[in-house]
Amino acid sequence: MTKLQVTTINDEPAIVLPPSVVERLGIKEGDEIHLEDGPNGLRLVHPNPVVEAQVRTMNEVMDRRRDVLKRLAE
């Protein structure tokens, strides 16, 4: 477990990530990271753009072909 300390930047609460966390997440300045709430608490995630695009495509196909997918599920 890594302890993070809350600080203030421009009158807003902020958390500075230690270099080891930045390296593990594979992030750089300007990247977007997500804070996910799961069964074991919160976690930081650096989304994979390829997987994100695949999920978007899958959702679009599912929306367009909902009736076909329902029939296949029977």
N, C-alpha and C. Protein backbone atom coordinates (compact mmCIF):
# COMPACT_ATOMS: atom_id res chain seq x y z
N MET A 1 0.85 -1.17 0.00
CA MET A 1 0.00 0.00 0.00
C MET A 1 0.89 1.23 0.00
N THR A 2 0.49 2.23 -0.78
CA THR A 2 1.22 3.49 -0.86
C THR A 2 0.37 4.58 -0.22
N LYS A 3 0.96 5.30 0.71
CA LYS A 3 0.25 6.41 1.33
C LYS A 3 0.35 7.64 0.44
N LEU A 4 -0.78 8.32 0.28
CA LEU A 4 -0.83 9.55 -0.49
C LEU A 4 -1.26 10.67 0.45
N GLN A 5 -0.69 11.84 0.27
CA GLN A 5 -1.02 12.97 1.12
C GLN A 5 -1.80 14.00 0.32
N VAL A 6 -2.87 14.50 0.92
CA VAL A 6 -3.68 15.52 0.29
C VAL A 6 -3.04 16.87 0.54
N THR A 7 -2.94 17.67 -0.51
CA THR A 7 -2.38 19.01 -0.42
C THR A 7 -3.37 19.96 -1.09
N THR A 8 -3.01 21.20 -1.24
CA THR A 8 -3.87 22.18 -1.91
C THR A 8 -3.10 22.82 -3.05
N ILE A 9 -3.74 22.84 -4.23
CA ILE A 9 -3.18 23.52 -5.40
C ILE A 9 -4.28 24.43 -5.95
N ASN A 10 -3.97 25.72 -6.03
CA ASN A 10 -4.96 26.70 -6.50
C ASN A 10 -6.26 26.62 -5.71
N ASP A 11 -6.15 26.52 -4.41
CA ASP A 11 -7.31 26.47 -3.50
C ASP A 11 -8.19 25.24 -3.70
N GLU A 12 -7.68 24.20 -4.33
CA GLU A 12 -8.41 22.95 -4.54
C GLU A 12 -7.63 21.81 -3.91
N PRO A 13 -8.32 20.85 -3.28
CA PRO A 13 -7.61 19.69 -2.76
C PRO A 13 -6.98 18.90 -3.90
N ALA A 14 -5.77 18.41 -3.68
CA ALA A 14 -5.04 17.67 -4.71
C ALA A 14 -4.22 16.58 -4.06
N ILE A 15 -3.94 15.55 -4.82
CA ILE A 15 -3.08 14.45 -4.37
C ILE A 15 -1.92 14.36 -5.35
N VAL A 16 -0.72 14.39 -4.83
CA VAL A 16 0.47 14.26 -5.65
C VAL A 16 0.89 12.79 -5.64
N LEU A 17 1.03 12.21 -6.82
CA LEU A 17 1.41 10.80 -6.91
C LEU A 17 2.92 10.67 -6.86
N PRO A 18 3.42 9.74 -6.05
CA PRO A 18 4.86 9.50 -6.02
C PRO A 18 5.33 8.93 -7.35
N PRO A 19 6.59 9.15 -7.69
CA PRO A 19 7.12 8.65 -8.97
C PRO A 19 6.90 7.15 -9.18
N SER A 20 6.95 6.36 -8.12
CA SER A 20 6.76 4.91 -8.28
C SER A 20 5.34 4.59 -8.76
N VAL A 21 4.35 5.35 -8.31
CA VAL A 21 2.97 5.13 -8.74
C VAL A 21 2.80 5.58 -10.18
N VAL A 22 3.38 6.72 -10.51
CA VAL A 22 3.32 7.23 -11.88
C VAL A 22 3.93 6.20 -12.84
N GLU A 23 5.04 5.62 -12.46
CA GLU A 23 5.69 4.61 -13.29
C GLU A 23 4.83 3.36 -13.43
N ARG A 24 4.25 2.89 -12.33
CA ARG A 24 3.41 1.68 -12.38
C ARG A 24 2.18 1.88 -13.24
N LEU A 25 1.59 3.09 -13.20
CA LEU A 25 0.42 3.37 -14.02
C LEU A 25 0.79 3.65 -15.46
N GLY A 26 2.06 3.96 -15.71
CA GLY A 26 2.50 4.29 -17.06
C GLY A 26 1.91 5.59 -17.56
N ILE A 27 1.80 6.58 -16.68
CA ILE A 27 1.17 7.84 -17.05
C ILE A 27 2.21 8.95 -17.20
N LYS A 28 1.78 9.97 -17.94
CA LYS A 28 2.61 11.16 -18.10
C LYS A 28 1.70 12.38 -18.02
N GLU A 29 2.29 13.54 -17.92
CA GLU A 29 1.51 14.77 -17.82
C GLU A 29 0.53 14.88 -18.99
N GLY A 30 -0.71 15.19 -18.68
CA GLY A 30 -1.75 15.33 -19.69
C GLY A 30 -2.58 14.08 -19.89
N ASP A 31 -2.12 12.92 -19.39
CA ASP A 31 -2.89 11.69 -19.51
C ASP A 31 -4.13 11.77 -18.63
N GLU A 32 -5.14 11.01 -19.03
CA GLU A 32 -6.35 10.89 -18.22
C GLU A 32 -6.29 9.58 -17.45
N ILE A 33 -6.58 9.65 -16.16
CA ILE A 33 -6.68 8.43 -15.36
C ILE A 33 -8.07 8.41 -14.74
N HIS A 34 -8.53 7.21 -14.41
CA HIS A 34 -9.86 7.05 -13.83
C HIS A 34 -9.74 6.57 -12.39
N LEU A 35 -10.64 7.04 -11.57
CA LEU A 35 -10.77 6.56 -10.20
C LEU A 35 -12.01 5.69 -10.17
N GLU A 36 -11.82 4.39 -10.00
CA GLU A 36 -12.93 3.44 -10.04
C GLU A 36 -13.30 2.99 -8.63
N ASP A 37 -14.59 2.86 -8.41
CA ASP A 37 -15.10 2.38 -7.13
C ASP A 37 -15.48 0.92 -7.31
N GLY A 38 -14.80 0.03 -6.61
CA GLY A 38 -15.05 -1.39 -6.75
C GLY A 38 -15.35 -2.03 -5.41
N PRO A 39 -15.50 -3.33 -5.40
CA PRO A 39 -15.84 -4.04 -4.16
C PRO A 39 -14.75 -3.92 -3.08
N ASN A 40 -13.52 -3.68 -3.49
CA ASN A 40 -12.42 -3.55 -2.53
C ASN A 40 -12.02 -2.10 -2.30
N GLY A 41 -12.85 -1.16 -2.71
CA GLY A 41 -12.55 0.26 -2.51
C GLY A 41 -12.21 0.95 -3.81
N LEU A 42 -11.59 2.10 -3.69
CA LEU A 42 -11.23 2.90 -4.86
C LEU A 42 -9.90 2.46 -5.43
N ARG A 43 -9.75 2.62 -6.75
CA ARG A 43 -8.47 2.32 -7.37
C ARG A 43 -8.26 3.24 -8.57
N LEU A 44 -7.00 3.59 -8.80
CA LEU A 44 -6.62 4.41 -9.95
C LEU A 44 -6.36 3.51 -11.14
N VAL A 45 -6.89 3.89 -12.29
CA VAL A 45 -6.73 3.08 -13.49
C VAL A 45 -6.32 3.98 -14.65
N HIS A 46 -5.32 3.57 -15.40
CA HIS A 46 -4.93 4.25 -16.63
C HIS A 46 -5.56 3.47 -17.75
N PRO A 47 -6.65 3.99 -18.34
CA PRO A 47 -7.36 3.21 -19.35
C PRO A 47 -6.51 2.96 -20.60
N ASN A 48 -6.68 1.79 -21.16
CA ASN A 48 -6.01 1.41 -22.40
C ASN A 48 -6.86 1.92 -23.56
N PRO A 49 -6.35 2.84 -24.38
CA PRO A 49 -7.17 3.41 -25.46
C PRO A 49 -7.68 2.37 -26.46
N VAL A 50 -6.94 1.31 -26.68
CA VAL A 50 -7.38 0.26 -27.61
C VAL A 50 -8.60 -0.45 -27.03
N VAL A 51 -8.53 -0.81 -25.76
CA VAL A 51 -9.65 -1.49 -25.12
C VAL A 51 -10.86 -0.56 -25.05
N GLU A 52 -10.63 0.71 -24.73
CA GLU A 52 -11.73 1.69 -24.67
C GLU A 52 -12.44 1.77 -26.02
N ALA A 53 -11.69 1.79 -27.12
CA ALA A 53 -12.29 1.85 -28.45
C ALA A 53 -13.07 0.57 -28.76
N GLN A 54 -12.55 -0.57 -28.34
CA GLN A 54 -13.25 -1.84 -28.56
C GLN A 54 -14.56 -1.88 -27.78
N VAL A 55 -14.56 -1.39 -26.57
CA VAL A 55 -15.78 -1.37 -25.76
C VAL A 55 -16.81 -0.44 -26.39
N ARG A 56 -16.38 0.73 -26.86
CA ARG A 56 -17.31 1.65 -27.53
C ARG A 56 -17.94 0.99 -28.75
N THR A 57 -17.11 0.32 -29.56
CA THR A 57 -17.62 -0.36 -30.75
C THR A 57 -18.60 -1.46 -30.37
N MET A 58 -18.27 -2.24 -29.35
CA MET A 58 -19.15 -3.31 -28.90
C MET A 58 -20.49 -2.74 -28.45
N ASN A 59 -20.47 -1.65 -27.70
CA ASN A 59 -21.72 -1.05 -27.23
C ASN A 59 -22.56 -0.53 -28.40
N GLU A 60 -21.92 0.04 -29.41
CA GLU A 60 -22.65 0.52 -30.59
C GLU A 60 -23.32 -0.63 -31.32
N VAL A 61 -22.59 -1.74 -31.49
CA VAL A 61 -23.14 -2.91 -32.18
C VAL A 61 -24.30 -3.48 -31.36
N MET A 62 -24.12 -3.57 -30.06
CA MET A 62 -25.18 -4.10 -29.21
C MET A 62 -26.43 -3.23 -29.27
N ASP A 63 -26.26 -1.92 -29.32
CA ASP A 63 -27.41 -1.03 -29.42
C ASP A 63 -28.13 -1.21 -30.76
N ARG A 64 -27.36 -1.33 -31.85
CA ARG A 64 -27.97 -1.47 -33.18
C ARG A 64 -28.62 -2.84 -33.38
N ARG A 65 -28.06 -3.86 -32.79
CA ARG A 65 -28.51 -5.24 -33.04
C ARG A 65 -29.16 -5.89 -31.82
N ARG A 66 -29.76 -5.08 -30.97
CA ARG A 66 -30.35 -5.59 -29.74
C ARG A 66 -31.36 -6.71 -30.01
N ASP A 67 -32.20 -6.55 -31.02
CA ASP A 67 -33.22 -7.57 -31.31
C ASP A 67 -32.58 -8.89 -31.74
N VAL A 68 -31.54 -8.83 -32.55
CA VAL A 68 -30.85 -10.05 -32.99
C VAL A 68 -30.19 -10.73 -31.79
N LEU A 69 -29.54 -9.95 -30.92
CA LEU A 69 -28.89 -10.54 -29.75
C LEU A 69 -29.89 -11.19 -28.81
N LYS A 70 -31.08 -10.61 -28.67
CA LYS A 70 -32.11 -11.22 -27.83
C LYS A 70 -32.55 -12.57 -28.40
N ARG A 71 -32.72 -12.62 -29.74
CA ARG A 71 -33.12 -13.88 -30.36
C ARG A 71 -32.03 -14.94 -30.23
N LEU A 72 -30.78 -14.54 -30.35
CA LEU A 72 -29.67 -15.49 -30.21
C LEU A 72 -29.58 -16.02 -28.78
N ALA A 73 -29.97 -15.21 -27.81
CA ALA A 73 -29.86 -15.61 -26.42
C ALA A 73 -30.94 -16.64 -26.02
N GLU A 74 -31.96 -16.78 -26.85
CA GLU A 74 -33.06 -17.72 -26.51
C GLU A 74 -32.66 -19.15 -26.70
